[in-house]
Amino acid sequence: MSKLVKFDIWVTDMNPGKGTEPGKIRPVLIVQSNILHKLGHFSTIVCPISSQKRDITILRIPVKASEKNGLKNASSVLADQMTAIDLSRLKERIGFLEEEYHENVQGALALLLDLER
């Protein structure tokens, strides 16, 4: 497996999804600290990415498809669906989230977790 890096985008097997959890094989954004990746942590924290048209909120960050991020369609990072997954769910790195989106993602996660920024 490639080295995990915060803000990389991977195709991931999220099955089985339950209730409102996003299931199926889908892209996810790695949001866990690189420090934990370097320590060899056995899981990582991700935000699912969806191309379904939904209301954009402060916790759902719109992202344009690009060669750099590997997304085929305009999508949203679902910060409100942040979850920890086992590394075995990660299938393939497809790209990285461009820096122009980093602040919005970090702001959404800070709001979600009630962290001061």
PDB file of N, CA and C in Angstrom:
ATOM      1  N   MET A   1       0.843  -1.182   0.000  1.00  0.00           N
ATOM      2  CA  MET A   1       0.000   0.000   0.000  1.00  0.00           C
ATOM      3  C   MET A   1       0.885   1.241   0.000  1.00  0.00           C
ATOM      4  N   SER A   2       0.459   2.233  -0.756  1.00  0.00           N
ATOM      5  CA  SER A   2       1.162   3.512  -0.765  1.00  0.00           C
ATOM      6  C   SER A   2       1.128   4.154   0.609  1.00  0.00           C
ATOM      7  N   LYS A   3       2.065   5.018   0.834  1.00  0.00           N
ATOM      8  CA  LYS A   3       2.109   5.765   2.089  1.00  0.00           C
ATOM      9  C   LYS A   3       0.869   6.665   2.172  1.00  0.00           C
ATOM     10  N   LEU A   4       0.212   6.675   3.327  1.00  0.00           N
ATOM     11  CA  LEU A   4      -0.955   7.534   3.511  1.00  0.00           C
ATOM     12  C   LEU A   4      -0.514   8.950   3.835  1.00  0.00           C
ATOM     13  N   VAL A   5      -1.196   9.912   3.217  1.00  0.00           N
ATOM     14  CA  VAL A   5      -0.893  11.318   3.434  1.00  0.00           C
ATOM     15  C   VAL A   5      -2.211  12.075   3.589  1.00  0.00           C
ATOM     16  N   LYS A   6      -2.264  12.953   4.581  1.00  0.00           N
ATOM     17  CA  LYS A   6      -3.445  13.779   4.789  1.00  0.00           C
ATOM     18  C   LYS A   6      -3.765  14.526   3.500  1.00  0.00           C
ATOM     19  N   PHE A   7      -5.048  14.560   3.152  1.00  0.00           N
ATOM     20  CA  PHE A   7      -5.618  15.189   1.968  1.00  0.00           C
ATOM     21  C   PHE A   7      -5.454  14.368   0.691  1.00  0.00           C
ATOM     22  N   ASP A   8      -4.932  13.159   0.791  1.00  0.00           N
ATOM     23  CA  ASP A   8      -4.973  12.257  -0.359  1.00  0.00           C
ATOM     24  C   ASP A   8      -6.386  11.726  -0.525  1.00  0.00           C
ATOM     25  N   ILE A   9      -6.725  11.336  -1.742  1.00  0.00           N
ATOM     26  CA  ILE A   9      -8.031  10.755  -2.032  1.00  0.00           C
ATOM     27  C   ILE A   9      -7.813   9.319  -2.476  1.00  0.00           C
ATOM     28  N   TRP A  10      -8.548   8.414  -1.834  1.00  0.00           N
ATOM     29  CA  TRP A  10      -8.446   6.978  -2.105  1.00  0.00           C
ATOM     30  C   TRP A  10      -9.811   6.431  -2.472  1.00  0.00           C
ATOM     31  N   VAL A  11      -9.821   5.408  -3.309  1.00  0.00           N
ATOM     32  CA  VAL A  11     -11.028   4.616  -3.521  1.00  0.00           C
ATOM     33  C   VAL A  11     -11.074   3.618  -2.378  1.00  0.00           C
ATOM     34  N   THR A  12     -12.252   3.509  -1.764  1.00  0.00           N
ATOM     35  CA  THR A  12     -12.404   2.726  -0.542  1.00  0.00           C
ATOM     36  C   THR A  12     -13.678   1.908  -0.572  1.00  0.00           C
ATOM     37  N   ASP A  13     -13.618   0.717  -0.015  1.00  0.00           N
ATOM     38  CA  ASP A  13     -14.808  -0.138   0.107  1.00  0.00           C
ATOM     39  C   ASP A  13     -15.480   0.190   1.434  1.00  0.00           C
ATOM     40  N   MET A  14     -16.580   0.938   1.372  1.00  0.00           N
ATOM     41  CA  MET A  14     -17.293   1.366   2.578  1.00  0.00           C
ATOM     42  C   MET A  14     -18.447   0.423   2.923  1.00  0.00           C
ATOM     43  N   ASN A  15     -18.540  -0.716   2.260  1.00  0.00           N
ATOM     44  CA  ASN A  15     -19.616  -1.672   2.549  1.00  0.00           C
ATOM     45  C   ASN A  15     -19.306  -2.437   3.831  1.00  0.00           C
ATOM     46  N   PRO A  16     -20.288  -2.780   4.599  1.00  0.00           N
ATOM     47  CA  PRO A  16     -21.691  -2.423   4.389  1.00  0.00           C
ATOM     48  C   PRO A  16     -22.009  -1.092   5.052  1.00  0.00           C
ATOM     49  N   GLY A  17     -22.739  -0.249   4.357  1.00  0.00           N
ATOM     50  CA  GLY A  17     -23.229   0.994   4.953  1.00  0.00           C
ATOM     51  C   GLY A  17     -24.535   0.708   5.680  1.00  0.00           C
ATOM     52  N   LYS A  18     -24.777   1.385   6.759  1.00  0.00           N
ATOM     53  CA  LYS A  18     -26.029   1.203   7.508  1.00  0.00           C
ATOM     54  C   LYS A  18     -26.687   2.552   7.729  1.00  0.00           C
ATOM     55  N   GLY A  19     -28.018   2.565   7.608  1.00  0.00           N
ATOM     56  CA  GLY A  19     -28.761   3.801   7.844  1.00  0.00           C
ATOM     57  C   GLY A  19     -28.295   4.908   6.927  1.00  0.00           C
ATOM     58  N   THR A  20     -27.872   6.019   7.510  1.00  0.00           N
ATOM     59  CA  THR A  20     -27.437   7.173   6.717  1.00  0.00           C
ATOM     60  C   THR A  20     -25.960   7.110   6.329  1.00  0.00           C
ATOM     61  N   GLU A  21     -25.248   6.053   6.744  1.00  0.00           N
ATOM     62  CA  GLU A  21     -23.834   5.929   6.399  1.00  0.00           C
ATOM     63  C   GLU A  21     -23.671   5.719   4.895  1.00  0.00           C
ATOM     64  N   PRO A  22     -22.712   6.420   4.298  1.00  0.00           N
ATOM     65  CA  PRO A  22     -22.446   6.156   2.884  1.00  0.00           C
ATOM     66  C   PRO A  22     -21.783   4.794   2.744  1.00  0.00           C
ATOM     67  N   GLY A  23     -22.348   3.931   1.928  1.00  0.00           N
ATOM     68  CA  GLY A  23     -21.763   2.621   1.690  1.00  0.00           C
ATOM     69  C   GLY A  23     -21.112   2.588   0.325  1.00  0.00           C
ATOM     70  N   LYS A  24     -20.958   1.446  -0.209  1.00  0.00           N
ATOM     71  CA  LYS A  24     -20.419   1.098  -1.528  1.00  0.00           C
ATOM     72  C   LYS A  24     -18.964   1.506  -1.704  1.00  0.00           C
ATOM     73  N   ILE A  25     -18.459   1.223  -2.864  1.00  0.00           N
ATOM     74  CA  ILE A  25     -17.075   1.600  -3.184  1.00  0.00           C
ATOM     75  C   ILE A  25     -17.112   3.057  -3.623  1.00  0.00           C
ATOM     76  N   ARG A  26     -16.339   3.896  -2.943  1.00  0.00           N
ATOM     77  CA  ARG A  26     -16.403   5.331  -3.189  1.00  0.00           C
ATOM     78  C   ARG A  26     -15.075   5.985  -2.830  1.00  0.00           C
ATOM     79  N   PRO A  27     -14.855   7.186  -3.330  1.00  0.00           N
ATOM     80  CA  PRO A  27     -13.661   7.913  -2.905  1.00  0.00           C
ATOM     81  C   PRO A  27     -13.829   8.457  -1.496  1.00  0.00           C
ATOM     82  N   VAL A  28     -12.726   8.553  -0.787  1.00  0.00           N
ATOM     83  CA  VAL A  28     -12.697   9.167   0.536  1.00  0.00           C
ATOM     84  C   VAL A  28     -11.494  10.097   0.613  1.00  0.00           C
ATOM     85  N   LEU A  29     -11.616  11.093   1.468  1.00  0.00           N
ATOM     86  CA  LEU A  29     -10.526  12.023   1.724  1.00  0.00           C
ATOM     87  C   LEU A  29      -9.867  11.641   3.041  1.00  0.00           C
ATOM     88  N   ILE A  30      -8.570  11.424   3.024  1.00  0.00           N
ATOM     89  CA  ILE A  30      -7.826  11.130   4.250  1.00  0.00           C
ATOM     90  C   ILE A  30      -7.701  12.436   5.037  1.00  0.00           C
ATOM     91  N   VAL A  31      -8.189  12.441   6.293  1.00  0.00           N
ATOM     92  CA  VAL A  31      -8.103  13.655   7.119  1.00  0.00           C
ATOM     93  C   VAL A  31      -7.290  13.437   8.395  1.00  0.00           C
ATOM     94  N   GLN A  32      -6.804  12.224   8.607  1.00  0.00           N
ATOM     95  CA  GLN A  32      -5.998  11.934   9.798  1.00  0.00           C
ATOM     96  C   GLN A  32      -4.620  12.566   9.678  1.00  0.00           C
ATOM     97  N   SER A  33      -4.066  12.943  10.807  1.00  0.00           N
ATOM     98  CA  SER A  33      -2.741  13.550  10.883  1.00  0.00           C
ATOM     99  C   SER A  33      -1.665  12.631  10.310  1.00  0.00           C
ATOM    100  N   ASN A  34      -0.714  13.217   9.606  1.00  0.00           N
ATOM    101  CA  ASN A  34       0.405  12.447   9.071  1.00  0.00           C
ATOM    102  C   ASN A  34       1.267  11.851  10.184  1.00  0.00           C
ATOM    103  N   ILE A  35       1.233  12.448  11.355  1.00  0.00           N
ATOM    104  CA  ILE A  35       2.009  11.900  12.487  1.00  0.00           C
ATOM    105  C   ILE A  35       1.544  10.484  12.796  1.00  0.00           C
ATOM    106  N   LEU A  36       0.231  10.272  12.852  1.00  0.00           N
ATOM    107  CA  LEU A  36      -0.286   8.926  13.129  1.00  0.00           C
ATOM    108  C   LEU A  36       0.042   7.962  11.988  1.00  0.00           C
ATOM    109  N   HIS A  37       0.022   8.440  10.761  1.00  0.00           N
ATOM    110  CA  HIS A  37       0.387   7.571   9.637  1.00  0.00           C
ATOM    111  C   HIS A  37       1.838   7.106   9.777  1.00  0.00           C
ATOM    112  N   LYS A  38       2.719   8.030  10.160  1.00  0.00           N
ATOM    113  CA  LYS A  38       4.140   7.682  10.301  1.00  0.00           C
ATOM    114  C   LYS A  38       4.377   6.691  11.433  1.00  0.00           C
ATOM    115  N   LEU A  39       3.487   6.710  12.443  1.00  0.00           N
ATOM    116  CA  LEU A  39       3.616   5.777  13.564  1.00  0.00           C
ATOM    117  C   LEU A  39       3.076   4.390  13.228  1.00  0.00           C
ATOM    118  N   GLY A  40       2.530   4.226  12.029  1.00  0.00           N
ATOM    119  CA  GLY A  40       2.032   2.918  11.610  1.00  0.00           C
ATOM    120  C   GLY A  40       0.677   2.563  12.173  1.00  0.00           C
ATOM    121  N   HIS A  41      -0.143   3.562  12.416  1.00  0.00           N
ATOM    122  CA  HIS A  41      -1.491   3.335  12.941  1.00  0.00           C
ATOM    123  C   HIS A  41      -2.262   2.395  12.009  1.00  0.00           C
ATOM    124  N   PHE A  42      -3.093   1.493  12.556  1.00  0.00           N
ATOM    125  CA  PHE A  42      -3.771   0.463  11.769  1.00  0.00           C
ATOM    126  C   PHE A  42      -5.094   0.910  11.164  1.00  0.00           C
ATOM    127  N   SER A  43      -5.489   2.144  11.457  1.00  0.00           N
ATOM    128  CA  SER A  43      -6.700   2.690  10.859  1.00  0.00           C
ATOM    129  C   SER A  43      -6.403   4.129  10.460  1.00  0.00           C
ATOM    130  N   THR A  44      -7.343   4.736   9.774  1.00  0.00           N
ATOM    131  CA  THR A  44      -7.202   6.142   9.422  1.00  0.00           C
ATOM    132  C   THR A  44      -8.573   6.798   9.459  1.00  0.00           C
ATOM    133  N   ILE A  45      -8.583   8.098   9.603  1.00  0.00           N
ATOM    134  CA  ILE A  45      -9.835   8.848   9.642  1.00  0.00           C
ATOM    135  C   ILE A  45     -10.058   9.467   8.275  1.00  0.00           C
ATOM    136  N   VAL A  46     -11.273   9.285   7.761  1.00  0.00           N
ATOM    137  CA  VAL A  46     -11.605   9.738   6.420  1.00  0.00           C
ATOM    138  C   VAL A  46     -12.944  10.468   6.406  1.00  0.00           C
ATOM    139  N   CYS A  47     -13.143  11.240   5.353  1.00  0.00           N
ATOM    140  CA  CYS A  47     -14.449  11.809   5.030  1.00  0.00           C
ATOM    141  C   CYS A  47     -14.849  11.236   3.677  1.00  0.00           C
ATOM    142  N   PRO A  48     -16.010  10.584   3.597  1.00  0.00           N
ATOM    143  CA  PRO A  48     -16.482  10.084   2.309  1.00  0.00           C
ATOM    144  C   PRO A  48     -16.687  11.240   1.328  1.00  0.00           C
ATOM    145  N   ILE A  49     -16.624  10.912   0.057  1.00  0.00           N
ATOM    146  CA  ILE A  49     -16.875  11.874  -1.013  1.00  0.00           C
ATOM    147  C   ILE A  49     -18.028  11.344  -1.843  1.00  0.00           C
ATOM    148  N   SER A  50     -18.972  12.209  -2.151  1.00  0.00           N
ATOM    149  CA  SER A  50     -20.151  11.804  -2.919  1.00  0.00           C
ATOM    150  C   SER A  50     -20.358  12.737  -4.106  1.00  0.00           C
ATOM    151  N   SER A  51     -20.756  12.158  -5.229  1.00  0.00           N
ATOM    152  CA  SER A  51     -21.079  12.967  -6.408  1.00  0.00           C
ATOM    153  C   SER A  51     -22.579  13.232  -6.508  1.00  0.00           C
ATOM    154  N   GLN A  52     -23.357  12.707  -5.561  1.00  0.00           N
ATOM    155  CA  GLN A  52     -24.801  12.964  -5.573  1.00  0.00           C
ATOM    156  C   GLN A  52     -25.068  14.430  -5.290  1.00  0.00           C
ATOM    157  N   LYS A  53     -26.035  14.956  -6.008  1.00  0.00           N
ATOM    158  CA  LYS A  53     -26.418  16.358  -5.808  1.00  0.00           C
ATOM    159  C   LYS A  53     -27.210  16.473  -4.512  1.00  0.00           C
ATOM    160  N   ARG A  54     -26.651  17.146  -3.549  1.00  0.00           N
ATOM    161  CA  ARG A  54     -27.309  17.381  -2.265  1.00  0.00           C
ATOM    162  C   ARG A  54     -27.150  18.841  -1.927  1.00  0.00           C
ATOM    163  N   ASP A  55     -27.917  19.277  -0.948  1.00  0.00           N
ATOM    164  CA  ASP A  55     -27.745  20.653  -0.488  1.00  0.00           C
ATOM    165  C   ASP A  55     -26.331  20.808   0.063  1.00  0.00           C
ATOM    166  N   ILE A  56     -25.664  21.858  -0.380  1.00  0.00           N
ATOM    167  CA  ILE A  56     -24.330  22.141   0.127  1.00  0.00           C
ATOM    168  C   ILE A  56     -24.494  22.890   1.448  1.00  0.00           C
ATOM    169  N   THR A  57     -23.845  22.399   2.472  1.00  0.00           N
ATOM    170  CA  THR A  57     -23.861  23.053   3.773  1.00  0.00           C
ATOM    171  C   THR A  57     -22.422  23.307   4.173  1.00  0.00           C
ATOM    172  N   ILE A  58     -22.240  23.932   5.303  1.00  0.00           N
ATOM    173  CA  ILE A  58     -20.889  24.208   5.794  1.00  0.00           C
ATOM    174  C   ILE A  58     -20.116  22.913   6.081  1.00  0.00           C
ATOM    175  N   LEU A  59     -20.854  21.795   6.265  1.00  0.00           N
ATOM    176  CA  LEU A  59     -20.212  20.504   6.542  1.00  0.00           C
ATOM    177  C   LEU A  59     -20.076  19.630   5.301  1.00  0.00           C
ATOM    178  N   ARG A  60     -20.505  20.133   4.148  1.00  0.00           N
ATOM    179  CA  ARG A  60     -20.373  19.410   2.874  1.00  0.00           C
ATOM    180  C   ARG A  60     -19.701  20.340   1.885  1.00  0.00           C
ATOM    181  N   ILE A  61     -18.446  20.062   1.617  1.00  0.00           N
ATOM    182  CA  ILE A  61     -17.606  20.975   0.859  1.00  0.00           C
ATOM    183  C   ILE A  61     -17.581  20.579  -0.618  1.00  0.00           C
ATOM    184  N   PRO A  62     -18.057  21.473  -1.503  1.00  0.00           N
ATOM    185  CA  PRO A  62     -18.043  21.156  -2.931  1.00  0.00           C
ATOM    186  C   PRO A  62     -16.620  21.153  -3.487  1.00  0.00           C
ATOM    187  N   VAL A  63     -16.360  20.180  -4.361  1.00  0.00           N
ATOM    188  CA  VAL A  63     -15.044  20.016  -4.980  1.00  0.00           C
ATOM    189  C   VAL A  63     -15.261  19.751  -6.464  1.00  0.00           C
ATOM    190  N   LYS A  64     -14.519  20.461  -7.310  1.00  0.00           N
ATOM    191  CA  LYS A  64     -14.600  20.237  -8.752  1.00  0.00           C
ATOM    192  C   LYS A  64     -13.756  19.016  -9.125  1.00  0.00           C
ATOM    193  N   ALA A  65     -14.207  18.279 -10.119  1.00  0.00           N
ATOM    194  CA  ALA A  65     -13.423  17.148 -10.630  1.00  0.00           C
ATOM    195  C   ALA A  65     -12.161  17.694 -11.304  1.00  0.00           C
ATOM    196  N   SER A  66     -11.052  16.971 -11.146  1.00  0.00           N
ATOM    197  CA  SER A  66      -9.802  17.385 -11.792  1.00  0.00           C
ATOM    198  C   SER A  66      -8.874  16.187 -11.933  1.00  0.00           C
ATOM    199  N   GLU A  67      -7.858  16.347 -12.744  1.00  0.00           N
ATOM    200  CA  GLU A  67      -6.842  15.300 -12.874  1.00  0.00           C
ATOM    201  C   GLU A  67      -6.089  15.114 -11.568  1.00  0.00           C
ATOM    202  N   LYS A  68      -5.847  16.204 -10.856  1.00  0.00           N
ATOM    203  CA  LYS A  68      -5.076  16.127  -9.609  1.00  0.00           C
ATOM    204  C   LYS A  68      -5.802  15.331  -8.533  1.00  0.00           C
ATOM    205  N   ASN A  69      -7.126  15.563  -8.387  1.00  0.00           N
ATOM    206  CA  ASN A  69      -7.827  14.858  -7.310  1.00  0.00           C
ATOM    207  C   ASN A  69      -8.392  13.512  -7.747  1.00  0.00           C
ATOM    208  N   GLY A  70      -8.406  13.238  -9.042  1.00  0.00           N
ATOM    209  CA  GLY A  70      -8.845  11.936  -9.530  1.00  0.00           C
ATOM    210  C   GLY A  70     -10.347  11.743  -9.560  1.00  0.00           C
ATOM    211  N   LEU A  71     -11.108  12.775  -9.207  1.00  0.00           N
ATOM    212  CA  LEU A  71     -12.570  12.653  -9.222  1.00  0.00           C
ATOM    213  C   LEU A  71     -13.082  12.847 -10.642  1.00  0.00           C
ATOM    214  N   LYS A  72     -14.028  12.030 -11.044  1.00  0.00           N
ATOM    215  CA  LYS A  72     -14.574  12.091 -12.402  1.00  0.00           C
ATOM    216  C   LYS A  72     -15.736  13.072 -12.518  1.00  0.00           C
ATOM    217  N   ASN A  73     -16.376  13.399 -11.375  1.00  0.00           N
ATOM    218  CA  ASN A  73     -17.521  14.306 -11.355  1.00  0.00           C
ATOM    219  C   ASN A  73     -17.357  15.313 -10.234  1.00  0.00           C
ATOM    220  N   ALA A  74     -18.020  16.460 -10.387  1.00  0.00           N
ATOM    221  CA  ALA A  74     -18.086  17.405  -9.277  1.00  0.00           C
ATOM    222  C   ALA A  74     -18.676  16.658  -8.089  1.00  0.00           C
ATOM    223  N   SER A  75     -18.127  16.873  -6.920  1.00  0.00           N
ATOM    224  CA  SER A  75     -18.495  16.077  -5.742  1.00  0.00           C
ATOM    225  C   SER A  75     -18.511  16.947  -4.499  1.00  0.00           C
ATOM    226  N   SER A  76     -18.840  16.321  -3.375  1.00  0.00           N
ATOM    227  CA  SER A  76     -18.787  16.986  -2.079  1.00  0.00           C
ATOM    228  C   SER A  76     -18.049  16.107  -1.084  1.00  0.00           C
ATOM    229  N   VAL A  77     -17.180  16.725  -0.298  1.00  0.00           N
ATOM    230  CA  VAL A  77     -16.544  16.055   0.833  1.00  0.00           C
ATOM    231  C   VAL A  77     -17.557  16.114   1.971  1.00  0.00           C
ATOM    232  N   LEU A  78     -17.936  14.951   2.489  1.00  0.00           N
ATOM    233  CA  LEU A  78     -18.968  14.853   3.524  1.00  0.00           C
ATOM    234  C   LEU A  78     -18.323  14.870   4.908  1.00  0.00           C
ATOM    235  N   ALA A  79     -17.963  16.060   5.377  1.00  0.00           N
ATOM    236  CA  ALA A  79     -17.317  16.179   6.683  1.00  0.00           C
ATOM    237  C   ALA A  79     -18.221  15.650   7.790  1.00  0.00           C
ATOM    238  N   ASP A  80     -19.540  15.784   7.607  1.00  0.00           N
ATOM    239  CA  ASP A  80     -20.478  15.312   8.636  1.00  0.00           C
ATOM    240  C   ASP A  80     -20.571  13.796   8.697  1.00  0.00           C
ATOM    241  N   GLN A  81     -19.891  13.094   7.784  1.00  0.00           N
ATOM    242  CA  GLN A  81     -19.862  11.629   7.784  1.00  0.00           C
ATOM    243  C   GLN A  81     -18.455  11.107   8.096  1.00  0.00           C
ATOM    244  N   MET A  82     -17.609  11.937   8.708  1.00  0.00           N
ATOM    245  CA  MET A  82     -16.248  11.535   9.061  1.00  0.00           C
ATOM    246  C   MET A  82     -16.278  10.228   9.853  1.00  0.00           C
ATOM    247  N   THR A  83     -15.356   9.331   9.540  1.00  0.00           N
ATOM    248  CA  THR A  83     -15.324   8.035  10.224  1.00  0.00           C
ATOM    249  C   THR A  83     -13.905   7.475  10.212  1.00  0.00           C
ATOM    250  N   ALA A  84     -13.641   6.567  11.130  1.00  0.00           N
ATOM    251  CA  ALA A  84     -12.375   5.830  11.133  1.00  0.00           C
ATOM    252  C   ALA A  84     -12.603   4.522  10.393  1.00  0.00           C
ATOM    253  N   ILE A  85     -11.653   4.162   9.548  1.00  0.00           N
ATOM    254  CA  ILE A  85     -11.744   2.899   8.816  1.00  0.00           C
ATOM    255  C   ILE A  85     -10.439   2.126   8.953  1.00  0.00           C
ATOM    256  N   ASP A  86     -10.557   0.812   8.841  1.00  0.00           N
ATOM    257  CA  ASP A  86      -9.388  -0.057   8.818  1.00  0.00           C
ATOM    258  C   ASP A  86      -8.658   0.158   7.497  1.00  0.00           C
ATOM    259  N   LEU A  87      -7.341   0.091   7.529  1.00  0.00           N
ATOM    260  CA  LEU A  87      -6.555   0.311   6.317  1.00  0.00           C
ATOM    261  C   LEU A  87      -6.870  -0.699   5.215  1.00  0.00           C
ATOM    262  N   SER A  88      -7.390  -1.866   5.575  1.00  0.00           N
ATOM    263  CA  SER A  88      -7.715  -2.880   4.562  1.00  0.00           C
ATOM    264  C   SER A  88      -8.848  -2.425   3.639  1.00  0.00           C
ATOM    265  N   ARG A  89      -9.614  -1.414   4.045  1.00  0.00           N
ATOM    266  CA  ARG A  89     -10.691  -0.888   3.189  1.00  0.00           C
ATOM    267  C   ARG A  89     -10.163  -0.024   2.046  1.00  0.00           C
ATOM    268  N   LEU A  90      -8.950   0.494   2.179  1.00  0.00           N
ATOM    269  CA  LEU A  90      -8.365   1.351   1.153  1.00  0.00           C
ATOM    270  C   LEU A  90      -7.908   0.507  -0.034  1.00  0.00           C
ATOM    271  N   LYS A  91      -8.369   0.885  -1.227  1.00  0.00           N
ATOM    272  CA  LYS A  91      -8.056   0.087  -2.417  1.00  0.00           C
ATOM    273  C   LYS A  91      -7.001   0.722  -3.314  1.00  0.00           C
ATOM    274  N   GLU A  92      -7.154   2.032  -3.614  1.00  0.00           N
ATOM    275  CA  GLU A  92      -6.244   2.665  -4.557  1.00  0.00           C
ATOM    276  C   GLU A  92      -6.233   4.170  -4.340  1.00  0.00           C
ATOM    277  N   ARG A  93      -5.042   4.749  -4.332  1.00  0.00           N
ATOM    278  CA  ARG A  93      -4.918   6.206  -4.272  1.00  0.00           C
ATOM    279  C   ARG A  93      -5.207   6.754  -5.658  1.00  0.00           C
ATOM    280  N   ILE A  94      -6.132   7.725  -5.746  1.00  0.00           N
ATOM    281  CA  ILE A  94      -6.473   8.278  -7.060  1.00  0.00           C
ATOM    282  C   ILE A  94      -6.030   9.728  -7.231  1.00  0.00           C
ATOM    283  N   GLY A  95      -5.627  10.382  -6.145  1.00  0.00           N
ATOM    284  CA  GLY A  95      -5.186  11.768  -6.267  1.00  0.00           C
ATOM    285  C   GLY A  95      -5.082  12.441  -4.914  1.00  0.00           C
ATOM    286  N   PHE A  96      -5.074  13.776  -4.947  1.00  0.00           N
ATOM    287  CA  PHE A  96      -4.995  14.558  -3.715  1.00  0.00           C
ATOM    288  C   PHE A  96      -5.877  15.788  -3.846  1.00  0.00           C
ATOM    289  N   LEU A  97      -6.407  16.220  -2.721  1.00  0.00           N
ATOM    290  CA  LEU A  97      -7.269  17.388  -2.708  1.00  0.00           C
ATOM    291  C   LEU A  97      -6.412  18.642  -2.850  1.00  0.00           C
ATOM    292  N   GLU A  98      -6.771  19.465  -3.811  1.00  0.00           N
ATOM    293  CA  GLU A  98      -6.015  20.679  -4.062  1.00  0.00           C
ATOM    294  C   GLU A  98      -6.062  21.596  -2.834  1.00  0.00           C
ATOM    295  N   GLU A  99      -4.990  22.357  -2.639  1.00  0.00           N
ATOM    296  CA  GLU A  99      -4.823  23.199  -1.455  1.00  0.00           C
ATOM    297  C   GLU A  99      -5.951  24.218  -1.296  1.00  0.00           C
ATOM    298  N   GLU A 100      -6.559  24.647  -2.383  1.00  0.00           N
ATOM    299  CA  GLU A 100      -7.628  25.654  -2.290  1.00  0.00           C
ATOM    300  C   GLU A 100      -8.826  25.178  -1.457  1.00  0.00           C
ATOM    301  N   TYR A 101      -8.956  23.849  -1.245  1.00  0.00           N
ATOM    302  CA  TYR A 101     -10.066  23.297  -0.474  1.00  0.00           C
ATOM    303  C   TYR A 101      -9.700  22.974   0.980  1.00  0.00           C
ATOM    304  N   HIS A 102      -8.418  22.977   1.298  1.00  0.00           N
ATOM    305  CA  HIS A 102      -7.965  22.540   2.618  1.00  0.00           C
ATOM    306  C   HIS A 102      -8.610  23.337   3.752  1.00  0.00           C
ATOM    307  N   GLU A 103      -8.619  24.656   3.644  1.00  0.00           N
ATOM    308  CA  GLU A 103      -9.158  25.487   4.731  1.00  0.00           C
ATOM    309  C   GLU A 103     -10.638  25.195   4.969  1.00  0.00           C
ATOM    310  N   ASN A 104     -11.409  24.998   3.894  1.00  0.00           N
ATOM    311  CA  ASN A 104     -12.833  24.698   4.057  1.00  0.00           C
ATOM    312  C   ASN A 104     -13.044  23.355   4.742  1.00  0.00           C
ATOM    313  N   VAL A 105     -12.249  22.362   4.378  1.00  0.00           N
ATOM    314  CA  VAL A 105     -12.366  21.047   5.013  1.00  0.00           C
ATOM    315  C   VAL A 105     -11.987  21.147   6.482  1.00  0.00           C
ATOM    316  N   GLN A 106     -10.863  21.787   6.770  1.00  0.00           N
ATOM    317  CA  GLN A 106     -10.417  21.907   8.161  1.00  0.00           C
ATOM    318  C   GLN A 106     -11.406  22.730   8.993  1.00  0.00           C
ATOM    319  N   GLY A 107     -12.001  23.747   8.398  1.00  0.00           N
ATOM    320  CA  GLY A 107     -13.004  24.537   9.101  1.00  0.00           C
ATOM    321  C   GLY A 107     -14.243  23.712   9.413  1.00  0.00           C
ATOM    322  N   ALA A 108     -14.672  22.895   8.451  1.00  0.00           N
ATOM    323  CA  ALA A 108     -15.846  22.038   8.669  1.00  0.00           C
ATOM    324  C   ALA A 108     -15.571  21.032   9.779  1.00  0.00           C
ATOM    325  N   LEU A 109     -14.376  20.443   9.787  1.00  0.00           N
ATOM    326  CA  LEU A 109     -14.039  19.472  10.833  1.00  0.00           C
ATOM    327  C   LEU A 109     -13.931  20.146  12.200  1.00  0.00           C
ATOM    328  N   ALA A 110     -13.383  21.359  12.246  1.00  0.00           N
ATOM    329  CA  ALA A 110     -13.296  22.096  13.507  1.00  0.00           C
ATOM    330  C   ALA A 110     -14.692  22.398  14.036  1.00  0.00           C
ATOM    331  N   LEU A 111     -15.600  22.785  13.148  1.00  0.00           N
ATOM    332  CA  LEU A 111     -16.983  23.046  13.554  1.00  0.00           C
ATOM    333  C   LEU A 111     -17.652  21.767  14.043  1.00  0.00           C
ATOM    334  N   LEU A 112     -17.479  20.696  13.296  1.00  0.00           N
ATOM    335  CA  LEU A 112     -18.077  19.412  13.641  1.00  0.00           C
ATOM    336  C   LEU A 112     -17.632  18.931  15.027  1.00  0.00           C
ATOM    337  N   LEU A 113     -16.362  19.119  15.320  1.00  0.00           N
ATOM    338  CA  LEU A 113     -15.787  18.634  16.577  1.00  0.00           C
ATOM    339  C   LEU A 113     -15.730  19.709  17.666  1.00  0.00           C
ATOM    340  N   ASP A 114     -16.268  20.890  17.369  1.00  0.00           N
ATOM    341  CA  ASP A 114     -16.279  22.005  18.319  1.00  0.00           C
ATOM    342  C   ASP A 114     -14.870  22.350  18.793  1.00  0.00           C
ATOM    343  N   LEU A 115     -13.969  22.485  17.820  1.00  0.00           N
ATOM    344  CA  LEU A 115     -12.586  22.831  18.120  1.00  0.00           C
ATOM    345  C   LEU A 115     -12.347  24.307  17.827  1.00  0.00           C
ATOM    346  N   GLU A 116     -11.582  24.962  18.649  1.00  0.00           N
ATOM    347  CA  GLU A 116     -11.198  26.359  18.402  1.00  0.00           C
ATOM    348  C   GLU A 116     -10.182  26.381  17.278  1.00  0.00           C
ATOM    349  N   ARG A 117     -10.285  27.382  16.412  1.00  0.00           N
ATOM    350  CA  ARG A 117      -9.304  27.517  15.315  1.00  0.00           C
ATOM    351  C   ARG A 117      -8.637  28.852  15.392  1.00  0.00           C
TER     352      ARG A 117
END
